Amino acid sequence: MGGGGGGSSYNPIDKPKTNLSSNDPETGSPDCSEISFQTNVSSPDPDVLEEVSNGDILSVSLSSESGPLVAVHEKGTVGSISHYLFKDIKDCIEAGHTFEAKVLSISSGNCQISVYFVS
């Protein structure tokens, strides 16, 4: 028997439609002001996480020239930020732009944040 002919199609572009970056058609650079997303902090440091509260504002920076992105509290690095827009965010930070992350929830060692453009 031959396979084939299903009725549905797969679209690999099915990603959340809220505030995704887009490149400037003239420069090819990301539109930094359009970048915002929610994610969980990867590998959170439990000692620093103890000091973090819902609503806290964390700075977002590169831990080294090549990354990763990290969420930083005044008491230390909370953890890393993994996202498919990493390259765009990295380019924006290297161009002098600033991002922050608001802590949305902390539960069972997990920390959900909302990352957004500041300037």
PDB file of N, CA and C in Angstrom:
ATOM      1  N   MET A   1       0.833  -1.176   0.000  1.00  0.00           N
ATOM      2  CA  MET A   1       0.000   0.000   0.000  1.00  0.00           C
ATOM      3  C   MET A   1       0.875   1.235   0.000  1.00  0.00           C
ATOM      4  N   GLY A   2       0.409   2.195  -0.663  1.00  0.00           N
ATOM      5  CA  GLY A   2       1.157   3.443  -0.685  1.00  0.00           C
ATOM      6  C   GLY A   2       0.743   4.311   0.483  1.00  0.00           C
ATOM      7  N   GLY A   3       1.674   5.050   0.991  1.00  0.00           N
ATOM      8  CA  GLY A   3       1.356   5.986   2.054  1.00  0.00           C
ATOM      9  C   GLY A   3       1.035   7.318   1.441  1.00  0.00           C
ATOM     10  N   GLY A   4       0.540   8.163   2.224  1.00  0.00           N
ATOM     11  CA  GLY A   4       0.443   9.518   1.718  1.00  0.00           C
ATOM     12  C   GLY A   4      -0.933  10.096   1.854  1.00  0.00           C
ATOM     13  N   GLY A   5      -1.013  11.255   1.347  1.00  0.00           N
ATOM     14  CA  GLY A   5      -2.243  11.965   1.195  1.00  0.00           C
ATOM     15  C   GLY A   5      -3.016  12.323   2.440  1.00  0.00           C
ATOM     16  N   GLY A   6      -2.410  12.643   3.508  1.00  0.00           N
ATOM     17  CA  GLY A   6      -3.158  13.089   4.678  1.00  0.00           C
ATOM     18  C   GLY A   6      -3.786  14.439   4.410  1.00  0.00           C
ATOM     19  N   GLY A   7      -4.804  14.770   5.156  1.00  0.00           N
ATOM     20  CA  GLY A   7      -5.513  16.018   4.929  1.00  0.00           C
ATOM     21  C   GLY A   7      -4.915  17.218   5.624  1.00  0.00           C
ATOM     22  N   SER A   8      -4.105  17.010   6.637  1.00  0.00           N
ATOM     23  CA  SER A   8      -3.569  18.163   7.359  1.00  0.00           C
ATOM     24  C   SER A   8      -2.136  18.434   6.927  1.00  0.00           C
ATOM     25  N   SER A   9      -1.731  19.658   7.097  1.00  0.00           N
ATOM     26  CA  SER A   9      -0.352  20.002   6.758  1.00  0.00           C
ATOM     27  C   SER A   9       0.339  20.558   7.986  1.00  0.00           C
ATOM     28  N   TYR A  10       1.636  20.377   8.039  1.00  0.00           N
ATOM     29  CA  TYR A  10       2.439  20.849   9.155  1.00  0.00           C
ATOM     30  C   TYR A  10       3.081  22.161   8.772  1.00  0.00           C
ATOM     31  N   ASN A  11       2.966  23.127   9.632  1.00  0.00           N
ATOM     32  CA  ASN A  11       3.588  24.422   9.397  1.00  0.00           C
ATOM     33  C   ASN A  11       4.620  24.661  10.490  1.00  0.00           C
ATOM     34  N   PRO A  12       5.926  24.597  10.155  1.00  0.00           N
ATOM     35  CA  PRO A  12       6.958  24.772  11.182  1.00  0.00           C
ATOM     36  C   PRO A  12       7.015  26.186  11.742  1.00  0.00           C
ATOM     37  N   ILE A  13       6.261  27.093  11.176  1.00  0.00           N
ATOM     38  CA  ILE A  13       6.273  28.477  11.646  1.00  0.00           C
ATOM     39  C   ILE A  13       5.211  28.701  12.718  1.00  0.00           C
ATOM     40  N   ASP A  14       4.536  27.637  13.152  1.00  0.00           N
ATOM     41  CA  ASP A  14       3.491  27.778  14.169  1.00  0.00           C
ATOM     42  C   ASP A  14       4.118  28.068  15.531  1.00  0.00           C
ATOM     43  N   LYS A  15       4.468  29.306  15.738  1.00  0.00           N
ATOM     44  CA  LYS A  15       5.046  29.760  17.005  1.00  0.00           C
ATOM     45  C   LYS A  15       4.115  30.827  17.560  1.00  0.00           C
ATOM     46  N   PRO A  16       4.219  31.140  18.837  1.00  0.00           N
ATOM     47  CA  PRO A  16       3.363  32.197  19.380  1.00  0.00           C
ATOM     48  C   PRO A  16       3.519  33.477  18.573  1.00  0.00           C
ATOM     49  N   LYS A  17       2.422  34.150  18.358  1.00  0.00           N
ATOM     50  CA  LYS A  17       2.415  35.326  17.500  1.00  0.00           C
ATOM     51  C   LYS A  17       2.634  36.635  18.265  1.00  0.00           C
ATOM     52  N   THR A  18       2.914  36.584  19.535  1.00  0.00           N
ATOM     53  CA  THR A  18       3.020  37.806  20.316  1.00  0.00           C
ATOM     54  C   THR A  18       4.445  38.324  20.360  1.00  0.00           C
ATOM     55  N   ASN A  19       4.619  39.502  19.874  1.00  0.00           N
ATOM     56  CA  ASN A  19       5.870  40.255  19.999  1.00  0.00           C
ATOM     57  C   ASN A  19       7.121  39.491  19.577  1.00  0.00           C
ATOM     58  N   LEU A  20       7.106  38.944  18.396  1.00  0.00           N
ATOM     59  CA  LEU A  20       8.298  38.298  17.872  1.00  0.00           C
ATOM     60  C   LEU A  20       9.141  39.341  17.167  1.00  0.00           C
ATOM     61  N   SER A  21      10.444  39.133  17.176  1.00  0.00           N
ATOM     62  CA  SER A  21      11.298  40.105  16.511  1.00  0.00           C
ATOM     63  C   SER A  21      11.181  39.946  15.017  1.00  0.00           C
ATOM     64  N   SER A  22      11.413  41.017  14.324  1.00  0.00           N
ATOM     65  CA  SER A  22      11.487  40.968  12.874  1.00  0.00           C
ATOM     66  C   SER A  22      12.686  41.795  12.467  1.00  0.00           C
ATOM     67  N   ASN A  23      13.322  41.392  11.395  1.00  0.00           N
ATOM     68  CA  ASN A  23      14.503  42.106  10.952  1.00  0.00           C
ATOM     69  C   ASN A  23      14.117  43.313  10.116  1.00  0.00           C
ATOM     70  N   ASP A  24      14.886  44.379  10.287  1.00  0.00           N
ATOM     71  CA  ASP A  24      14.732  45.574   9.483  1.00  0.00           C
ATOM     72  C   ASP A  24      15.112  45.214   8.051  1.00  0.00           C
ATOM     73  N   PRO A  25      14.243  45.458   7.075  1.00  0.00           N
ATOM     74  CA  PRO A  25      14.547  45.052   5.706  1.00  0.00           C
ATOM     75  C   PRO A  25      15.765  45.746   5.119  1.00  0.00           C
ATOM     76  N   GLU A  26      16.089  46.937   5.614  1.00  0.00           N
ATOM     77  CA  GLU A  26      17.235  47.663   5.075  1.00  0.00           C
ATOM     78  C   GLU A  26      18.553  47.228   5.698  1.00  0.00           C
ATOM     79  N   THR A  27      18.560  46.996   7.010  1.00  0.00           N
ATOM     80  CA  THR A  27      19.819  46.668   7.692  1.00  0.00           C
ATOM     81  C   THR A  27      19.971  45.195   8.009  1.00  0.00           C
ATOM     82  N   GLY A  28      18.863  44.456   8.027  1.00  0.00           N
ATOM     83  CA  GLY A  28      18.918  43.049   8.415  1.00  0.00           C
ATOM     84  C   GLY A  28      19.024  42.857   9.917  1.00  0.00           C
ATOM     85  N   SER A  29      19.032  43.950  10.670  1.00  0.00           N
ATOM     86  CA  SER A  29      19.148  43.888  12.127  1.00  0.00           C
ATOM     87  C   SER A  29      17.783  43.618  12.748  1.00  0.00           C
ATOM     88  N   PRO A  30      17.774  42.975  13.912  1.00  0.00           N
ATOM     89  CA  PRO A  30      16.483  42.730  14.569  1.00  0.00           C
ATOM     90  C   PRO A  30      15.868  44.024  15.075  1.00  0.00           C
ATOM     91  N   ASP A  31      14.546  44.076  15.121  1.00  0.00           N
ATOM     92  CA  ASP A  31      13.836  45.200  15.725  1.00  0.00           C
ATOM     93  C   ASP A  31      13.775  44.915  17.220  1.00  0.00           C
ATOM     94  N   CYS A  32      14.777  45.382  17.922  1.00  0.00           N
ATOM     95  CA  CYS A  32      14.940  45.055  19.342  1.00  0.00           C
ATOM     96  C   CYS A  32      13.730  45.438  20.180  1.00  0.00           C
ATOM     97  N   SER A  33      13.089  46.543  19.838  1.00  0.00           N
ATOM     98  CA  SER A  33      11.963  47.016  20.646  1.00  0.00           C
ATOM     99  C   SER A  33      10.750  46.103  20.555  1.00  0.00           C
ATOM    100  N   GLU A  34      10.726  45.183  19.610  1.00  0.00           N
ATOM    101  CA  GLU A  34       9.606  44.264  19.437  1.00  0.00           C
ATOM    102  C   GLU A  34       9.807  42.940  20.163  1.00  0.00           C
ATOM    103  N   ILE A  35      10.958  42.741  20.783  1.00  0.00           N
ATOM    104  CA  ILE A  35      11.246  41.459  21.425  1.00  0.00           C
ATOM    105  C   ILE A  35      10.666  41.417  22.831  1.00  0.00           C
ATOM    106  N   SER A  36       9.799  40.463  23.069  1.00  0.00           N
ATOM    107  CA  SER A  36       9.311  40.165  24.421  1.00  0.00           C
ATOM    108  C   SER A  36       8.740  38.748  24.394  1.00  0.00           C
ATOM    109  N   PHE A  37       8.914  38.034  25.496  1.00  0.00           N
ATOM    110  CA  PHE A  37       8.432  36.657  25.578  1.00  0.00           C
ATOM    111  C   PHE A  37       8.443  36.192  27.020  1.00  0.00           C
ATOM    112  N   GLN A  38       7.718  35.113  27.287  1.00  0.00           N
ATOM    113  CA  GLN A  38       7.721  34.476  28.599  1.00  0.00           C
ATOM    114  C   GLN A  38       8.436  33.143  28.489  1.00  0.00           C
ATOM    115  N   THR A  39       9.187  32.799  29.527  1.00  0.00           N
ATOM    116  CA  THR A  39       9.906  31.530  29.548  1.00  0.00           C
ATOM    117  C   THR A  39      10.230  31.168  30.990  1.00  0.00           C
ATOM    118  N   ASN A  40      10.714  29.963  31.191  1.00  0.00           N
ATOM    119  CA  ASN A  40      11.217  29.551  32.495  1.00  0.00           C
ATOM    120  C   ASN A  40      12.728  29.723  32.511  1.00  0.00           C
ATOM    121  N   VAL A  41      13.262  30.138  33.633  1.00  0.00           N
ATOM    122  CA  VAL A  41      14.703  30.231  33.796  1.00  0.00           C
ATOM    123  C   VAL A  41      15.263  28.811  33.779  1.00  0.00           C
ATOM    124  N   SER A  42      16.326  28.613  33.009  1.00  0.00           N
ATOM    125  CA  SER A  42      16.964  27.297  32.934  1.00  0.00           C
ATOM    126  C   SER A  42      17.994  27.160  34.045  1.00  0.00           C
ATOM    127  N   SER A  43      18.052  25.998  34.649  1.00  0.00           N
ATOM    128  CA  SER A  43      19.028  25.686  35.700  1.00  0.00           C
ATOM    129  C   SER A  43      19.128  26.781  36.759  1.00  0.00           C
ATOM    130  N   PRO A  44      18.000  27.121  37.396  1.00  0.00           N
ATOM    131  CA  PRO A  44      18.059  28.174  38.407  1.00  0.00           C
ATOM    132  C   PRO A  44      18.942  27.781  39.596  1.00  0.00           C
ATOM    133  N   ASP A  45      19.663  28.758  40.113  1.00  0.00           N
ATOM    134  CA  ASP A  45      20.500  28.561  41.297  1.00  0.00           C
ATOM    135  C   ASP A  45      19.578  28.620  42.515  1.00  0.00           C
ATOM    136  N   PRO A  46      19.440  27.522  43.248  1.00  0.00           N
ATOM    137  CA  PRO A  46      18.485  27.505  44.370  1.00  0.00           C
ATOM    138  C   PRO A  46      18.807  28.531  45.455  1.00  0.00           C
ATOM    139  N   ASP A  47      20.087  28.811  45.680  1.00  0.00           N
ATOM    140  CA  ASP A  47      20.451  29.791  46.716  1.00  0.00           C
ATOM    141  C   ASP A  47      20.024  31.197  46.324  1.00  0.00           C
ATOM    142  N   VAL A  48      20.191  31.547  45.053  1.00  0.00           N
ATOM    143  CA  VAL A  48      19.774  32.878  44.579  1.00  0.00           C
ATOM    144  C   VAL A  48      18.260  32.920  44.471  1.00  0.00           C
ATOM    145  N   LEU A  49      17.659  31.830  43.989  1.00  0.00           N
ATOM    146  CA  LEU A  49      16.205  31.786  43.818  1.00  0.00           C
ATOM    147  C   LEU A  49      15.474  32.019  45.139  1.00  0.00           C
ATOM    148  N   GLU A  50      16.081  31.606  46.258  1.00  0.00           N
ATOM    149  CA  GLU A  50      15.489  31.853  47.581  1.00  0.00           C
ATOM    150  C   GLU A  50      15.306  33.339  47.857  1.00  0.00           C
ATOM    151  N   GLU A  51      16.150  34.172  47.233  1.00  0.00           N
ATOM    152  CA  GLU A  51      16.121  35.613  47.460  1.00  0.00           C
ATOM    153  C   GLU A  51      15.180  36.358  46.508  1.00  0.00           C
ATOM    154  N   VAL A  52      14.647  35.647  45.512  1.00  0.00           N
ATOM    155  CA  VAL A  52      13.823  36.255  44.472  1.00  0.00           C
ATOM    156  C   VAL A  52      12.348  36.136  44.835  1.00  0.00           C
ATOM    157  N   SER A  53      11.585  37.178  44.510  1.00  0.00           N
ATOM    158  CA  SER A  53      10.143  37.196  44.776  1.00  0.00           C
ATOM    159  C   SER A  53       9.368  37.483  43.500  1.00  0.00           C
ATOM    160  N   ASN A  54       8.106  37.070  43.486  1.00  0.00           N
ATOM    161  CA  ASN A  54       7.231  37.426  42.368  1.00  0.00           C
ATOM    162  C   ASN A  54       7.238  38.942  42.192  1.00  0.00           C
ATOM    163  N   GLY A  55       7.321  39.384  40.955  1.00  0.00           N
ATOM    164  CA  GLY A  55       7.312  40.814  40.669  1.00  0.00           C
ATOM    165  C   GLY A  55       8.690  41.442  40.622  1.00  0.00           C
ATOM    166  N   ASP A  56       9.725  40.742  41.103  1.00  0.00           N
ATOM    167  CA  ASP A  56      11.085  41.290  41.030  1.00  0.00           C
ATOM    168  C   ASP A  56      11.485  41.523  39.581  1.00  0.00           C
ATOM    169  N   ILE A  57      12.303  42.541  39.372  1.00  0.00           N
ATOM    170  CA  ILE A  57      12.837  42.840  38.049  1.00  0.00           C
ATOM    171  C   ILE A  57      14.287  42.378  38.012  1.00  0.00           C
ATOM    172  N   LEU A  58      14.596  41.532  37.039  1.00  0.00           N
ATOM    173  CA  LEU A  58      15.945  40.992  36.874  1.00  0.00           C
ATOM    174  C   LEU A  58      16.583  41.630  35.647  1.00  0.00           C
ATOM    175  N   SER A  59      17.885  41.813  35.693  1.00  0.00           N
ATOM    176  CA  SER A  59      18.564  42.282  34.491  1.00  0.00           C
ATOM    177  C   SER A  59      18.857  41.081  33.602  1.00  0.00           C
ATOM    178  N   VAL A  60      18.882  41.316  32.313  1.00  0.00           N
ATOM    179  CA  VAL A  60      19.186  40.279  31.330  1.00  0.00           C
ATOM    180  C   VAL A  60      20.493  40.660  30.664  1.00  0.00           C
ATOM    181  N   SER A  61      21.451  39.737  30.685  1.00  0.00           N
ATOM    182  CA  SER A  61      22.750  40.028  30.097  1.00  0.00           C
ATOM    183  C   SER A  61      23.361  38.759  29.519  1.00  0.00           C
ATOM    184  N   LEU A  62      24.484  38.940  28.839  1.00  0.00           N
ATOM    185  CA  LEU A  62      25.244  37.804  28.330  1.00  0.00           C
ATOM    186  C   LEU A  62      26.267  37.421  29.382  1.00  0.00           C
ATOM    187  N   SER A  63      26.402  36.130  29.656  1.00  0.00           N
ATOM    188  CA  SER A  63      27.387  35.710  30.656  1.00  0.00           C
ATOM    189  C   SER A  63      28.804  35.765  30.101  1.00  0.00           C
ATOM    190  N   SER A  64      28.934  35.705  28.784  1.00  0.00           N
ATOM    191  CA  SER A  64      30.227  35.851  28.106  1.00  0.00           C
ATOM    192  C   SER A  64      29.937  36.353  26.700  1.00  0.00           C
ATOM    193  N   GLU A  65      30.973  36.545  25.897  1.00  0.00           N
ATOM    194  CA  GLU A  65      30.772  37.056  24.547  1.00  0.00           C
ATOM    195  C   GLU A  65      29.837  36.194  23.717  1.00  0.00           C
ATOM    196  N   SER A  66      29.893  34.888  23.925  1.00  0.00           N
ATOM    197  CA  SER A  66      29.082  33.986  23.110  1.00  0.00           C
ATOM    198  C   SER A  66      27.814  33.510  23.825  1.00  0.00           C
ATOM    199  N   GLY A  67      27.566  34.019  25.017  1.00  0.00           N
ATOM    200  CA  GLY A  67      26.352  33.629  25.742  1.00  0.00           C
ATOM    201  C   GLY A  67      26.683  32.649  26.836  1.00  0.00           C
ATOM    202  N   PRO A  68      25.740  32.105  27.498  1.00  0.00           N
ATOM    203  CA  PRO A  68      24.305  32.247  27.282  1.00  0.00           C
ATOM    204  C   PRO A  68      23.762  33.542  27.883  1.00  0.00           C
ATOM    205  N   LEU A  69      22.473  33.778  27.620  1.00  0.00           N
ATOM    206  CA  LEU A  69      21.777  34.865  28.296  1.00  0.00           C
ATOM    207  C   LEU A  69      21.516  34.434  29.720  1.00  0.00           C
ATOM    208  N   VAL A  70      21.624  35.364  30.649  1.00  0.00           N
ATOM    209  CA  VAL A  70      21.346  35.058  32.048  1.00  0.00           C
ATOM    210  C   VAL A  70      20.420  36.104  32.647  1.00  0.00           C
ATOM    211  N   ALA A  71      19.640  35.664  33.631  1.00  0.00           N
ATOM    212  CA  ALA A  71      18.786  36.547  34.415  1.00  0.00           C
ATOM    213  C   ALA A  71      19.506  36.794  35.733  1.00  0.00           C
ATOM    214  N   VAL A  72      19.733  38.072  36.055  1.00  0.00           N
ATOM    215  CA  VAL A  72      20.555  38.424  37.216  1.00  0.00           C
ATOM    216  C   VAL A  72      19.751  39.241  38.222  1.00  0.00           C
ATOM    217  N   HIS A  73      19.785  38.779  39.465  1.00  0.00           N
ATOM    218  CA  HIS A  73      19.174  39.447  40.615  1.00  0.00           C
ATOM    219  C   HIS A  73      20.297  40.156  41.366  1.00  0.00           C
ATOM    220  N   GLU A  74      19.969  41.088  42.232  1.00  0.00           N
ATOM    221  CA  GLU A  74      21.017  41.777  42.996  1.00  0.00           C
ATOM    222  C   GLU A  74      21.844  40.812  43.847  1.00  0.00           C
ATOM    223  N   LYS A  75      21.300  39.627  44.156  1.00  0.00           N
ATOM    224  CA  LYS A  75      22.015  38.632  44.967  1.00  0.00           C
ATOM    225  C   LYS A  75      22.832  37.655  44.134  1.00  0.00           C
ATOM    226  N   GLY A  76      22.720  37.734  42.784  1.00  0.00           N
ATOM    227  CA  GLY A  76      23.497  36.849  41.920  1.00  0.00           C
ATOM    228  C   GLY A  76      22.704  36.393  40.710  1.00  0.00           C
ATOM    229  N   THR A  77      23.315  35.523  39.926  1.00  0.00           N
ATOM    230  CA  THR A  77      22.677  35.009  38.720  1.00  0.00           C
ATOM    231  C   THR A  77      21.614  33.975  39.086  1.00  0.00           C
ATOM    232  N   VAL A  78      20.386  34.238  38.658  1.00  0.00           N
ATOM    233  CA  VAL A  78      19.279  33.325  38.936  1.00  0.00           C
ATOM    234  C   VAL A  78      19.420  32.074  38.069  1.00  0.00           C
ATOM    235  N   GLY A  79      19.736  32.259  36.801  1.00  0.00           N
ATOM    236  CA  GLY A  79      19.896  31.140  35.882  1.00  0.00           C
ATOM    237  C   GLY A  79      19.988  31.638  34.457  1.00  0.00           C
ATOM    238  N   SER A  80      20.007  30.715  33.514  1.00  0.00           N
ATOM    239  CA  SER A  80      20.140  31.100  32.111  1.00  0.00           C
ATOM    240  C   SER A  80      18.768  31.190  31.445  1.00  0.00           C
ATOM    241  N   ILE A  81      18.756  31.876  30.307  1.00  0.00           N
ATOM    242  CA  ILE A  81      17.537  32.071  29.533  1.00  0.00           C
ATOM    243  C   ILE A  81      17.765  31.460  28.159  1.00  0.00           C
ATOM    244  N   SER A  82      17.002  30.438  27.846  1.00  0.00           N
ATOM    245  CA  SER A  82      17.083  29.805  26.534  1.00  0.00           C
ATOM    246  C   SER A  82      15.866  30.219  25.719  1.00  0.00           C
ATOM    247  N   HIS A  83      16.100  30.659  24.496  1.00  0.00           N
ATOM    248  CA  HIS A  83      14.994  31.061  23.645  1.00  0.00           C
ATOM    249  C   HIS A  83      15.458  31.070  22.201  1.00  0.00           C
ATOM    250  N   TYR A  84      14.530  30.800  21.276  1.00  0.00           N
ATOM    251  CA  TYR A  84      14.903  30.763  19.872  1.00  0.00           C
ATOM    252  C   TYR A  84      15.303  32.132  19.330  1.00  0.00           C
ATOM    253  N   LEU A  85      15.025  33.219  20.041  1.00  0.00           N
ATOM    254  CA  LEU A  85      15.456  34.556  19.625  1.00  0.00           C
ATOM    255  C   LEU A  85      16.812  34.939  20.211  1.00  0.00           C
ATOM    256  N   PHE A  86      17.558  33.950  20.730  1.00  0.00           N
ATOM    257  CA  PHE A  86      18.841  34.232  21.374  1.00  0.00           C
ATOM    258  C   PHE A  86      19.741  35.121  20.515  1.00  0.00           C
ATOM    259  N   LYS A  87      19.921  34.779  19.253  1.00  0.00           N
ATOM    260  CA  LYS A  87      20.836  35.534  18.402  1.00  0.00           C
ATOM    261  C   LYS A  87      20.376  36.987  18.268  1.00  0.00           C
ATOM    262  N   ASP A  88      19.066  37.198  18.091  1.00  0.00           N
ATOM    263  CA  ASP A  88      18.549  38.562  17.983  1.00  0.00           C
ATOM    264  C   ASP A  88      18.798  39.344  19.271  1.00  0.00           C
ATOM    265  N   ILE A  89      18.519  38.719  20.411  1.00  0.00           N
ATOM    266  CA  ILE A  89      18.723  39.400  21.698  1.00  0.00           C
ATOM    267  C   ILE A  89      20.205  39.705  21.903  1.00  0.00           C
ATOM    268  N   LYS A  90      21.055  38.744  21.581  1.00  0.00           N
ATOM    269  CA  LYS A  90      22.506  38.940  21.695  1.00  0.00           C
ATOM    270  C   LYS A  90      22.944  40.123  20.842  1.00  0.00           C
ATOM    271  N   ASP A  91      22.464  40.172  19.585  1.00  0.00           N
ATOM    272  CA  ASP A  91      22.810  41.296  18.699  1.00  0.00           C
ATOM    273  C   ASP A  91      22.340  42.618  19.288  1.00  0.00           C
ATOM    274  N   CYS A  92      21.147  42.629  19.861  1.00  0.00           N
ATOM    275  CA  CYS A  92      20.599  43.855  20.465  1.00  0.00           C
ATOM    276  C   CYS A  92      21.439  44.308  21.658  1.00  0.00           C
ATOM    277  N   ILE A  93      21.795  43.368  22.532  1.00  0.00           N
ATOM    278  CA  ILE A  93      22.614  43.713  23.706  1.00  0.00           C
ATOM    279  C   ILE A  93      23.971  44.235  23.259  1.00  0.00           C
ATOM    280  N   GLU A  94      24.581  43.579  22.273  1.00  0.00           N
ATOM    281  CA  GLU A  94      25.885  44.028  21.770  1.00  0.00           C
ATOM    282  C   GLU A  94      25.799  45.399  21.110  1.00  0.00           C
ATOM    283  N   ALA A  95      24.608  45.775  20.619  1.00  0.00           N
ATOM    284  CA  ALA A  95      24.407  47.099  20.022  1.00  0.00           C
ATOM    285  C   ALA A  95      24.087  48.156  21.082  1.00  0.00           C
ATOM    286  N   GLY A  96      24.061  47.746  22.362  1.00  0.00           N
ATOM    287  CA  GLY A  96      23.849  48.703  23.445  1.00  0.00           C
ATOM    288  C   GLY A  96      22.439  48.755  23.999  1.00  0.00           C
ATOM    289  N   HIS A  97      21.561  47.869  23.543  1.00  0.00           N
ATOM    290  CA  HIS A  97      20.191  47.856  24.057  1.00  0.00           C
ATOM    291  C   HIS A  97      20.117  47.076  25.370  1.00  0.00           C
ATOM    292  N   THR A  98      19.063  47.341  26.121  1.00  0.00           N
ATOM    293  CA  THR A  98      18.885  46.749  27.441  1.00  0.00           C
ATOM    294  C   THR A  98      17.583  45.963  27.496  1.00  0.00           C
ATOM    295  N   PHE A  99      17.645  44.807  28.172  1.00  0.00           N
ATOM    296  CA  PHE A  99      16.468  43.976  28.417  1.00  0.00           C
ATOM    297  C   PHE A  99      16.380  43.681  29.903  1.00  0.00           C
ATOM    298  N   GLU A 100      15.149  43.493  30.368  1.00  0.00           N
ATOM    299  CA  GLU A 100      14.911  43.088  31.749  1.00  0.00           C
ATOM    300  C   GLU A 100      13.943  41.913  31.733  1.00  0.00           C
ATOM    301  N   ALA A 101      13.796  41.293  32.888  1.00  0.00           N
ATOM    302  CA  ALA A 101      12.854  40.190  33.037  1.00  0.00           C
ATOM    303  C   ALA A 101      12.090  40.376  34.346  1.00  0.00           C
ATOM    304  N   LYS A 102      10.785  40.305  34.266  1.00  0.00           N
ATOM    305  CA  LYS A 102       9.942  40.380  35.454  1.00  0.00           C
ATOM    306  C   LYS A 102       9.613  38.964  35.895  1.00  0.00           C
ATOM    307  N   VAL A 103       9.773  38.694  37.183  1.00  0.00           N
ATOM    308  CA  VAL A 103       9.454  37.375  37.729  1.00  0.00           C
ATOM    309  C   VAL A 103       7.938  37.256  37.818  1.00  0.00           C
ATOM    310  N   LEU A 104       7.401  36.256  37.109  1.00  0.00           N
ATOM    311  CA  LEU A 104       5.961  36.032  37.095  1.00  0.00           C
ATOM    312  C   LEU A 104       5.520  35.040  38.157  1.00  0.00           C
ATOM    313  N   SER A 105       6.326  34.001  38.355  1.00  0.00           N
ATOM    314  CA  SER A 105       5.982  33.008  39.375  1.00  0.00           C
ATOM    315  C   SER A 105       7.211  32.190  39.748  1.00  0.00           C
ATOM    316  N   ILE A 106       7.180  31.713  40.980  1.00  0.00           N
ATOM    317  CA  ILE A 106       8.218  30.818  41.485  1.00  0.00           C
ATOM    318  C   ILE A 106       7.483  29.661  42.152  1.00  0.00           C
ATOM    319  N   SER A 107       7.795  28.447  41.691  1.00  0.00           N
ATOM    320  CA  SER A 107       7.102  27.288  42.232  1.00  0.00           C
ATOM    321  C   SER A 107       7.974  26.051  42.093  1.00  0.00           C
ATOM    322  N   SER A 108       8.184  25.351  43.196  1.00  0.00           N
ATOM    323  CA  SER A 108       8.939  24.093  43.190  1.00  0.00           C
ATOM    324  C   SER A 108      10.283  24.206  42.482  1.00  0.00           C
ATOM    325  N   GLY A 109      10.995  25.284  42.728  1.00  0.00           N
ATOM    326  CA  GLY A 109      12.316  25.447  42.134  1.00  0.00           C
ATOM    327  C   GLY A 109      12.315  25.976  40.714  1.00  0.00           C
ATOM    328  N   ASN A 110      11.128  26.248  40.167  1.00  0.00           N
ATOM    329  CA  ASN A 110      11.018  26.817  38.833  1.00  0.00           C
ATOM    330  C   ASN A 110      10.716  28.304  38.936  1.00  0.00           C
ATOM    331  N   CYS A 111      11.230  29.059  37.965  1.00  0.00           N
ATOM    332  CA  CYS A 111      11.024  30.501  37.956  1.00  0.00           C
ATOM    333  C   CYS A 111      10.592  30.918  36.556  1.00  0.00           C
ATOM    334  N   GLN A 112       9.336  31.393  36.440  1.00  0.00           N
ATOM    335  CA  GLN A 112       8.843  31.870  35.160  1.00  0.00           C
ATOM    336  C   GLN A 112       9.031  33.384  35.087  1.00  0.00           C
ATOM    337  N   ILE A 113       9.542  33.838  33.925  1.00  0.00           N
ATOM    338  CA  ILE A 113       9.834  35.255  33.755  1.00  0.00           C
ATOM    339  C   ILE A 113       9.228  35.763  32.437  1.00  0.00           C
ATOM    340  N   SER A 114       9.081  37.071  32.389  1.00  0.00           N
ATOM    341  CA  SER A 114       8.681  37.753  31.162  1.00  0.00           C
ATOM    342  C   SER A 114       9.849  38.665  30.775  1.00  0.00           C
ATOM    343  N   VAL A 115      10.471  38.389  29.644  1.00  0.00           N
ATOM    344  CA  VAL A 115      11.615  39.163  29.174  1.00  0.00           C
ATOM    345  C   VAL A 115      11.106  40.236  28.225  1.00  0.00           C
ATOM    346  N   TYR A 116      11.622  41.464  28.369  1.00  0.00           N
ATOM    347  CA  TYR A 116      11.152  42.557  27.529  1.00  0.00           C
ATOM    348  C   TYR A 116      12.265  43.581  27.308  1.00  0.00           C
ATOM    349  N   PHE A 117      12.102  44.345  26.219  1.00  0.00           N
ATOM    350  CA  PHE A 117      13.010  45.420  25.819  1.00  0.00           C
ATOM    351  C   PHE A 117      12.817  46.614  26.745  1.00  0.00           C
ATOM    352  N   VAL A 118      13.914  47.247  27.137  1.00  0.00           N
ATOM    353  CA  VAL A 118      13.834  48.453  27.969  1.00  0.00           C
ATOM    354  C   VAL A 118      14.259  49.680  27.173  1.00  0.00           C
ATOM    355  N   SER A 119      15.456  49.614  26.610  1.00  0.00           N
ATOM    356  CA  SER A 119      15.947  50.759  25.823  1.00  0.00           C
ATOM    357  C   SER A 119      17.016  50.327  24.842  1.00  0.00           C
TER     358      SER A 119
END
